[in-house]
């Protein structure tokens, strides 16, 4: 059975999967908290990864301080965030995996709980925008992850069924969203998400591109009745 017999599309998360935004964004907020005599718990932050329905760190900081953040404080936090982010290139294996997806004739999409005005500039800066056929980003019209809506919209854009698509994620909430939408899901944890529960994942990889996409997709195909008769089964 060929790869294309089973899979026609690949859907990627963005934050933490194509670009390691999570660490820099947390660090910038943590430094702002510390400067103002507060502490931002990493454990609390980890609960927010992959979703938007959480306490805004700025709102929480203002609540603790009993005042609004000044424009200068807000600008300093954004400058620090951007300084950290713009020092980074794509996550390891991201560009190669997108290239391979295109070479295999697979359609590609991003399904992200972040907004378009966050995702698009980074994709363009990294030279990845041309590798993505469709963007399904959070715009307030539907629930974000861990609900499946962003993935379901991506499938509709791509014109494929859930059975024909594979998702790449880095967080527990993203995994829940992909599986709820019916996709095969491969998780590539970051240092910040490595201890999350990924027991529902079809595979957990150390990095994108290892193994190459073609090999991974071949491995993830469900065995046919003929394969079972010959003793073939998917590798664990």
C-alpha atoms as a PDB file:
ATOM      1  CA  UNK A   1       0.000   0.000   0.000  1.00  0.00           C
ATOM      2  CA  UNK A   2       1.351   3.437  -0.901  1.00  0.00           C
ATOM      3  CA  UNK A   3       1.471   6.343   1.521  1.00  0.00           C
ATOM      4  CA  UNK A   4      -1.023   8.279  -0.577  1.00  0.00           C
ATOM      5  CA  UNK A   5      -3.492   5.388  -0.326  1.00  0.00           C
ATOM      6  CA  UNK A   6      -4.063   6.317   3.318  1.00  0.00           C
ATOM      7  CA  UNK A   7      -2.873   9.887   3.928  1.00  0.00           C
ATOM      8  CA  UNK A   8      -3.548  12.990   1.883  1.00  0.00           C
ATOM      9  CA  UNK A   9      -2.757  15.788   4.324  1.00  0.00           C
ATOM     10  CA  UNK A  10      -0.658  16.824   7.287  1.00  0.00           C
ATOM     11  CA  UNK A  11      -1.890  19.329   9.896  1.00  0.00           C
ATOM     12  CA  UNK A  12       0.669  21.058  12.104  1.00  0.00           C
ATOM     13  CA  UNK A  13       0.302  22.871  15.381  1.00  0.00           C
ATOM     14  CA  UNK A  14       2.294  26.118  15.418  1.00  0.00           C
ATOM     15  CA  UNK A  15       3.497  27.203  18.865  1.00  0.00           C
ATOM     16  CA  UNK A  16       6.109  24.778  20.131  1.00  0.00           C
ATOM     17  CA  UNK A  17       5.930  22.607  17.011  1.00  0.00           C
ATOM     18  CA  UNK A  18       7.074  24.826  14.132  1.00  0.00           C
ATOM     19  CA  UNK A  19       8.509  27.606  16.318  1.00  0.00           C
ATOM     20  CA  UNK A  20       9.431  27.331  19.981  1.00  0.00           C
ATOM     21  CA  UNK A  21       7.372  30.278  21.177  1.00  0.00           C
ATOM     22  CA  UNK A  22       6.311  28.843  24.508  1.00  0.00           C
ATOM     23  CA  UNK A  23       9.620  29.168  26.329  1.00  0.00           C
ATOM     24  CA  UNK A  24      10.346  32.758  25.221  1.00  0.00           C
ATOM     25  CA  UNK A  25       6.815  33.981  25.911  1.00  0.00           C
ATOM     26  CA  UNK A  26       6.870  32.443  29.376  1.00  0.00           C
ATOM     27  CA  UNK A  27      10.350  33.803  30.090  1.00  0.00           C
ATOM     28  CA  UNK A  28       9.354  37.339  29.111  1.00  0.00           C
ATOM     29  CA  UNK A  29       6.310  37.229  31.368  1.00  0.00           C
ATOM     30  CA  UNK A  30       8.251  35.605  34.230  1.00  0.00           C
ATOM     31  CA  UNK A  31      10.888  38.348  34.055  1.00  0.00           C
ATOM     32  CA  UNK A  32       8.169  41.012  34.105  1.00  0.00           C
ATOM     33  CA  UNK A  33       6.568  39.408  37.150  1.00  0.00           C
ATOM     34  CA  UNK A  34       9.933  39.206  38.916  1.00  0.00           C
ATOM     35  CA  UNK A  35      10.764  42.833  38.148  1.00  0.00           C
ATOM     36  CA  UNK A  36       7.516  43.827  39.836  1.00  0.00           C
ATOM     37  CA  UNK A  37       8.067  41.627  42.882  1.00  0.00           C
ATOM     38  CA  UNK A  38       5.805  38.745  41.795  1.00  0.00           C
ATOM     39  CA  UNK A  39       6.301  35.155  40.659  1.00  0.00           C
ATOM     40  CA  UNK A  40       4.750  33.427  37.654  1.00  0.00           C
ATOM     41  CA  UNK A  41       4.532  29.693  38.346  1.00  0.00           C
ATOM     42  CA  UNK A  42       5.722  27.430  35.551  1.00  0.00           C
ATOM     43  CA  UNK A  43       3.200  24.806  36.673  1.00  0.00           C
ATOM     44  CA  UNK A  44       0.360  27.284  36.177  1.00  0.00           C
ATOM     45  CA  UNK A  45       1.739  28.338  32.811  1.00  0.00           C
ATOM     46  CA  UNK A  46       1.939  24.753  31.540  1.00  0.00           C
ATOM     47  CA  UNK A  47      -1.809  24.352  32.021  1.00  0.00           C
ATOM     48  CA  UNK A  48      -2.392  27.103  29.443  1.00  0.00           C
ATOM     49  CA  UNK A  49      -0.281  25.653  26.617  1.00  0.00           C
ATOM     50  CA  UNK A  50      -2.380  24.817  23.579  1.00  0.00           C
ATOM     51  CA  UNK A  51      -5.494  26.674  24.702  1.00  0.00           C
ATOM     52  CA  UNK A  52      -6.815  30.213  25.097  1.00  0.00           C
ATOM     53  CA  UNK A  53      -9.429  29.874  27.859  1.00  0.00           C
ATOM     54  CA  UNK A  54      -7.034  30.659  30.678  1.00  0.00           C
ATOM     55  CA  UNK A  55      -6.187  33.546  32.955  1.00  0.00           C
ATOM     56  CA  UNK A  56      -4.403  36.265  31.007  1.00  0.00           C
ATOM     57  CA  UNK A  57      -0.963  36.735  32.628  1.00  0.00           C
ATOM     58  CA  UNK A  58      -1.261  40.498  32.244  1.00  0.00           C
ATOM     59  CA  UNK A  59      -4.672  40.593  33.913  1.00  0.00           C
ATOM     60  CA  UNK A  60      -3.414  38.346  36.712  1.00  0.00           C
ATOM     61  CA  UNK A  61      -0.355  40.533  37.272  1.00  0.00           C
ATOM     62  CA  UNK A  62      -2.504  43.664  37.435  1.00  0.00           C
ATOM     63  CA  UNK A  63      -4.792  41.918  39.923  1.00  0.00           C
ATOM     64  CA  UNK A  64      -1.842  41.132  42.169  1.00  0.00           C
ATOM     65  CA  UNK A  65      -0.406  44.633  41.890  1.00  0.00           C
ATOM     66  CA  UNK A  66      -3.738  46.341  42.394  1.00  0.00           C
ATOM     67  CA  UNK A  67      -3.062  48.616  39.420  1.00  0.00           C
ATOM     68  CA  UNK A  68      -2.793  48.616  35.649  1.00  0.00           C
ATOM     69  CA  UNK A  69       0.520  47.972  33.981  1.00  0.00           C
ATOM     70  CA  UNK A  70       2.055  51.115  32.533  1.00  0.00           C
ATOM     71  CA  UNK A  71       2.641  51.449  28.794  1.00  0.00           C
ATOM     72  CA  UNK A  72       6.379  51.336  29.484  1.00  0.00           C
ATOM     73  CA  UNK A  73       6.047  48.037  31.389  1.00  0.00           C
ATOM     74  CA  UNK A  74       3.944  46.523  28.611  1.00  0.00           C
ATOM     75  CA  UNK A  75       6.378  47.648  25.937  1.00  0.00           C
ATOM     76  CA  UNK A  76       9.358  46.305  27.845  1.00  0.00           C
ATOM     77  CA  UNK A  77       7.705  42.891  28.146  1.00  0.00           C
ATOM     78  CA  UNK A  78       6.902  42.820  24.407  1.00  0.00           C
ATOM     79  CA  UNK A  79      10.436  43.906  23.487  1.00  0.00           C
ATOM     80  CA  UNK A  80      11.900  41.157  25.638  1.00  0.00           C
ATOM     81  CA  UNK A  81       9.534  38.568  24.137  1.00  0.00           C
ATOM     82  CA  UNK A  82      10.406  39.607  20.596  1.00  0.00           C
ATOM     83  CA  UNK A  83      14.122  39.685  21.391  1.00  0.00           C
ATOM     84  CA  UNK A  84      13.948  36.073  22.537  1.00  0.00           C
ATOM     85  CA  UNK A  85      11.690  34.927  19.677  1.00  0.00           C
ATOM     86  CA  UNK A  86      13.562  36.591  16.841  1.00  0.00           C
ATOM     87  CA  UNK A  87      16.763  34.908  17.939  1.00  0.00           C
ATOM     88  CA  UNK A  88      15.174  31.563  17.055  1.00  0.00           C
ATOM     89  CA  UNK A  89      14.761  29.736  13.781  1.00  0.00           C
ATOM     90  CA  UNK A  90      12.200  26.993  13.088  1.00  0.00           C
ATOM     91  CA  UNK A  91      12.081  24.008  15.412  1.00  0.00           C
ATOM     92  CA  UNK A  92      14.469  21.209  14.462  1.00  0.00           C
ATOM     93  CA  UNK A  93      13.178  19.279  11.480  1.00  0.00           C
ATOM     94  CA  UNK A  94      10.223  21.612  10.818  1.00  0.00           C
ATOM     95  CA  UNK A  95      11.358  22.983   7.456  1.00  0.00           C
ATOM     96  CA  UNK A  96      12.559  19.562   6.275  1.00  0.00           C
ATOM     97  CA  UNK A  97       9.249  17.917   7.211  1.00  0.00           C
ATOM     98  CA  UNK A  98       7.252  20.597   5.397  1.00  0.00           C
ATOM     99  CA  UNK A  99       9.501  20.164   2.347  1.00  0.00           C
ATOM    100  CA  UNK A 100       9.002  16.409   2.439  1.00  0.00           C
ATOM    101  CA  UNK A 101       5.220  16.770   2.759  1.00  0.00           C
ATOM    102  CA  UNK A 102       5.206  18.880  -0.381  1.00  0.00           C
ATOM    103  CA  UNK A 103       7.459  16.405  -2.210  1.00  0.00           C
ATOM    104  CA  UNK A 104       5.087  13.577  -1.287  1.00  0.00           C
ATOM    105  CA  UNK A 105       2.149  15.497  -2.718  1.00  0.00           C
ATOM    106  CA  UNK A 106       0.481  15.962   0.677  1.00  0.00           C
ATOM    107  CA  UNK A 107      -1.706  18.959   1.479  1.00  0.00           C
ATOM    108  CA  UNK A 108      -0.652  20.959   4.551  1.00  0.00           C
ATOM    109  CA  UNK A 109      -2.373  23.123   7.132  1.00  0.00           C
ATOM    110  CA  UNK A 110      -1.726  24.753  10.477  1.00  0.00           C
ATOM    111  CA  UNK A 111      -4.309  24.369  13.263  1.00  0.00           C
ATOM    112  CA  UNK A 112      -3.431  26.784  16.054  1.00  0.00           C
ATOM    113  CA  UNK A 113      -5.094  28.259  19.130  1.00  0.00           C
ATOM    114  CA  UNK A 114      -3.119  31.429  18.372  1.00  0.00           C
ATOM    115  CA  UNK A 115      -4.457  34.233  16.184  1.00  0.00           C
ATOM    116  CA  UNK A 116      -3.591  34.773  12.519  1.00  0.00           C
ATOM    117  CA  UNK A 117      -1.747  38.008  13.315  1.00  0.00           C
ATOM    118  CA  UNK A 118       0.595  35.994  15.555  1.00  0.00           C
ATOM    119  CA  UNK A 119       1.116  32.968  13.308  1.00  0.00           C
ATOM    120  CA  UNK A 120       1.430  34.582   9.869  1.00  0.00           C
ATOM    121  CA  UNK A 121       4.293  37.037  10.592  1.00  0.00           C
ATOM    122  CA  UNK A 122       6.362  34.271  12.161  1.00  0.00           C
ATOM    123  CA  UNK A 123       5.723  31.863   9.270  1.00  0.00           C
ATOM    124  CA  UNK A 124       6.768  34.588   6.842  1.00  0.00           C
ATOM    125  CA  UNK A 125       9.856  35.491   8.870  1.00  0.00           C
ATOM    126  CA  UNK A 126      10.913  31.840   8.998  1.00  0.00           C
ATOM    127  CA  UNK A 127      10.321  31.301   5.277  1.00  0.00           C
ATOM    128  CA  UNK A 128       7.638  28.682   5.979  1.00  0.00           C
ATOM    129  CA  UNK A 129       4.504  30.495   4.796  1.00  0.00           C
ATOM    130  CA  UNK A 130       4.787  29.107   1.271  1.00  0.00           C
ATOM    131  CA  UNK A 131       4.820  25.571   2.638  1.00  0.00           C
ATOM    132  CA  UNK A 132       1.331  25.850   4.176  1.00  0.00           C
ATOM    133  CA  UNK A 133      -1.826  25.511   2.096  1.00  0.00           C
ATOM    134  CA  UNK A 134      -4.318  26.614   4.757  1.00  0.00           C
ATOM    135  CA  UNK A 135      -4.356  28.251   8.193  1.00  0.00           C
ATOM    136  CA  UNK A 136      -6.987  27.401  10.804  1.00  0.00           C
ATOM    137  CA  UNK A 137      -6.224  29.848  13.616  1.00  0.00           C
ATOM    138  CA  UNK A 138      -8.280  30.960  16.586  1.00  0.00           C
ATOM    139  CA  UNK A 139     -10.448  33.940  15.689  1.00  0.00           C
ATOM    140  CA  UNK A 140     -13.108  33.815  18.385  1.00  0.00           C
ATOM    141  CA  UNK A 141     -15.720  32.187  16.157  1.00  0.00           C
ATOM    142  CA  UNK A 142     -15.173  28.690  17.541  1.00  0.00           C
ATOM    143  CA  UNK A 143     -13.654  27.008  20.598  1.00  0.00           C
ATOM    144  CA  UNK A 144      -9.873  26.641  20.722  1.00  0.00           C
ATOM    145  CA  UNK A 145      -8.018  23.480  21.700  1.00  0.00           C
ATOM    146  CA  UNK A 146      -8.594  21.065  23.411  1.00  0.00           C
ATOM    147  CA  UNK A 147     -11.891  21.199  21.492  1.00  0.00           C
ATOM    148  CA  UNK A 148     -11.627  19.750  17.966  1.00  0.00           C
ATOM    149  CA  UNK A 149     -13.117  22.687  16.037  1.00  0.00           C
ATOM    150  CA  UNK A 150      -9.838  24.118  14.693  1.00  0.00           C
ATOM    151  CA  UNK A 151      -8.885  20.701  13.340  1.00  0.00           C
ATOM    152  CA  UNK A 152     -12.326  20.114  11.855  1.00  0.00           C
ATOM    153  CA  UNK A 153     -12.102  23.444  10.026  1.00  0.00           C
ATOM    154  CA  UNK A 154      -8.606  22.542   8.777  1.00  0.00           C
ATOM    155  CA  UNK A 155      -9.931  19.256   7.390  1.00  0.00           C
ATOM    156  CA  UNK A 156     -12.741  21.114   5.627  1.00  0.00           C
ATOM    157  CA  UNK A 157     -10.246  23.562   4.119  1.00  0.00           C
ATOM    158  CA  UNK A 158      -8.034  20.714   2.939  1.00  0.00           C
ATOM    159  CA  UNK A 159     -10.937  18.707   1.546  1.00  0.00           C
ATOM    160  CA  UNK A 160      -9.939  15.495   3.335  1.00  0.00           C
ATOM    161  CA  UNK A 161     -11.486  13.262   5.972  1.00  0.00           C
ATOM    162  CA  UNK A 162      -9.969  12.794   9.425  1.00  0.00           C
ATOM    163  CA  UNK A 163      -8.836   9.309   8.402  1.00  0.00           C
ATOM    164  CA  UNK A 164      -6.786  10.839   5.586  1.00  0.00           C
ATOM    165  CA  UNK A 165      -4.899  13.322   7.773  1.00  0.00           C
ATOM    166  CA  UNK A 166      -2.140  13.155  10.340  1.00  0.00           C
ATOM    167  CA  UNK A 167      -1.615  15.803  13.026  1.00  0.00           C
ATOM    168  CA  UNK A 168       1.640  16.908  14.629  1.00  0.00           C
ATOM    169  CA  UNK A 169       1.355  18.392  18.124  1.00  0.00           C
ATOM    170  CA  UNK A 170       3.560  19.232  21.105  1.00  0.00           C
ATOM    171  CA  UNK A 171       1.057  19.575  23.966  1.00  0.00           C
ATOM    172  CA  UNK A 172      -1.585  17.568  25.809  1.00  0.00           C
ATOM    173  CA  UNK A 173      -4.346  20.008  24.851  1.00  0.00           C
ATOM    174  CA  UNK A 174      -3.328  19.842  21.203  1.00  0.00           C
ATOM    175  CA  UNK A 175      -3.290  16.050  21.299  1.00  0.00           C
ATOM    176  CA  UNK A 176      -6.795  15.997  22.787  1.00  0.00           C
ATOM    177  CA  UNK A 177      -8.041  18.306  20.028  1.00  0.00           C
ATOM    178  CA  UNK A 178      -6.528  16.247  17.219  1.00  0.00           C
ATOM    179  CA  UNK A 179      -7.808  12.941  18.576  1.00  0.00           C
ATOM    180  CA  UNK A 180     -11.279  14.389  19.232  1.00  0.00           C
ATOM    181  CA  UNK A 181     -11.359  15.410  15.559  1.00  0.00           C
ATOM    182  CA  UNK A 182     -10.480  11.831  14.597  1.00  0.00           C
ATOM    183  CA  UNK A 183      -6.930  12.365  13.311  1.00  0.00           C
ATOM    184  CA  UNK A 184      -3.889  10.191  13.768  1.00  0.00           C
ATOM    185  CA  UNK A 185      -1.659  12.283  16.029  1.00  0.00           C
ATOM    186  CA  UNK A 186       2.112  12.326  16.452  1.00  0.00           C
ATOM    187  CA  UNK A 187       3.492  14.314  19.391  1.00  0.00           C
ATOM    188  CA  UNK A 188       6.877  16.022  19.429  1.00  0.00           C
ATOM    189  CA  UNK A 189       7.280  17.347  23.001  1.00  0.00           C
ATOM    190  CA  UNK A 190       9.255  20.463  23.876  1.00  0.00           C
ATOM    191  CA  UNK A 191      11.285  20.813  27.077  1.00  0.00           C
ATOM    192  CA  UNK A 192       8.267  22.624  28.550  1.00  0.00           C
ATOM    193  CA  UNK A 193       5.736  19.924  27.609  1.00  0.00           C
ATOM    194  CA  UNK A 194       7.845  16.787  27.994  1.00  0.00           C
ATOM    195  CA  UNK A 195       6.174  15.693  31.250  1.00  0.00           C
ATOM    196  CA  UNK A 196       2.602  15.996  29.936  1.00  0.00           C
ATOM    197  CA  UNK A 197       0.359  12.981  29.390  1.00  0.00           C
ATOM    198  CA  UNK A 198       0.735  11.759  25.817  1.00  0.00           C
ATOM    199  CA  UNK A 199      -0.733   8.296  26.304  1.00  0.00           C
ATOM    200  CA  UNK A 200      -3.324   8.923  23.556  1.00  0.00           C
ATOM    201  CA  UNK A 201      -0.672   9.715  20.938  1.00  0.00           C
ATOM    202  CA  UNK A 202      -0.146   7.358  18.017  1.00  0.00           C
ATOM    203  CA  UNK A 203       3.583   8.138  18.213  1.00  0.00           C
ATOM    204  CA  UNK A 204       5.853  10.314  20.347  1.00  0.00           C
ATOM    205  CA  UNK A 205       9.021  11.546  18.617  1.00  0.00           C
ATOM    206  CA  UNK A 206      12.096  13.353  19.913  1.00  0.00           C
ATOM    207  CA  UNK A 207      12.025  15.761  16.954  1.00  0.00           C
ATOM    208  CA  UNK A 208      10.374  16.318  13.601  1.00  0.00           C
ATOM    209  CA  UNK A 209      11.983  14.477  10.722  1.00  0.00           C
ATOM    210  CA  UNK A 210      13.228  11.537  12.746  1.00  0.00           C
ATOM    211  CA  UNK A 211      12.110   9.265  11.222  1.00  0.00           C
ATOM    212  CA  UNK A 212      11.496  10.965   7.850  1.00  0.00           C
ATOM    213  CA  UNK A 213       7.855  11.718   7.101  1.00  0.00           C
ATOM    214  CA  UNK A 214       7.502   9.030   4.417  1.00  0.00           C
ATOM    215  CA  UNK A 215       8.755   6.339   6.784  1.00  0.00           C
ATOM    216  CA  UNK A 216       6.543   7.590   9.616  1.00  0.00           C
ATOM    217  CA  UNK A 217       3.406   7.622   7.473  1.00  0.00           C
ATOM    218  CA  UNK A 218       4.143   4.158   6.149  1.00  0.00           C
ATOM    219  CA  UNK A 219       4.500   2.931   9.725  1.00  0.00           C
ATOM    220  CA  UNK A 220       1.240   4.571  10.829  1.00  0.00           C
ATOM    221  CA  UNK A 221      -0.937   3.050   8.129  1.00  0.00           C
ATOM    222  CA  UNK A 222      -3.469   0.573   9.501  1.00  0.00           C
ATOM    223  CA  UNK A 223      -2.722  -2.996   8.380  1.00  0.00           C
ATOM    224  CA  UNK A 224      -4.951  -4.406   5.644  1.00  0.00           C
ATOM    225  CA  UNK A 225      -6.551  -7.837   5.896  1.00  0.00           C
ATOM    226  CA  UNK A 226      -3.837  -9.103   3.530  1.00  0.00           C
ATOM    227  CA  UNK A 227      -1.136  -7.631   5.790  1.00  0.00           C
ATOM    228  CA  UNK A 228      -2.628  -9.334   8.819  1.00  0.00           C
ATOM    229  CA  UNK A 229      -2.735 -12.618   6.947  1.00  0.00           C
ATOM    230  CA  UNK A 230       0.989 -12.257   6.213  1.00  0.00           C
ATOM    231  CA  UNK A 231       1.713 -11.398   9.843  1.00  0.00           C
ATOM    232  CA  UNK A 232       2.384  -7.671   9.264  1.00  0.00           C
ATOM    233  CA  UNK A 233       1.408  -5.268  11.996  1.00  0.00           C
ATOM    234  CA  UNK A 234       2.210  -1.679  12.901  1.00  0.00           C
ATOM    235  CA  UNK A 235       5.362  -1.212  14.916  1.00  0.00           C
ATOM    236  CA  UNK A 236       5.065   0.079  18.444  1.00  0.00           C
END
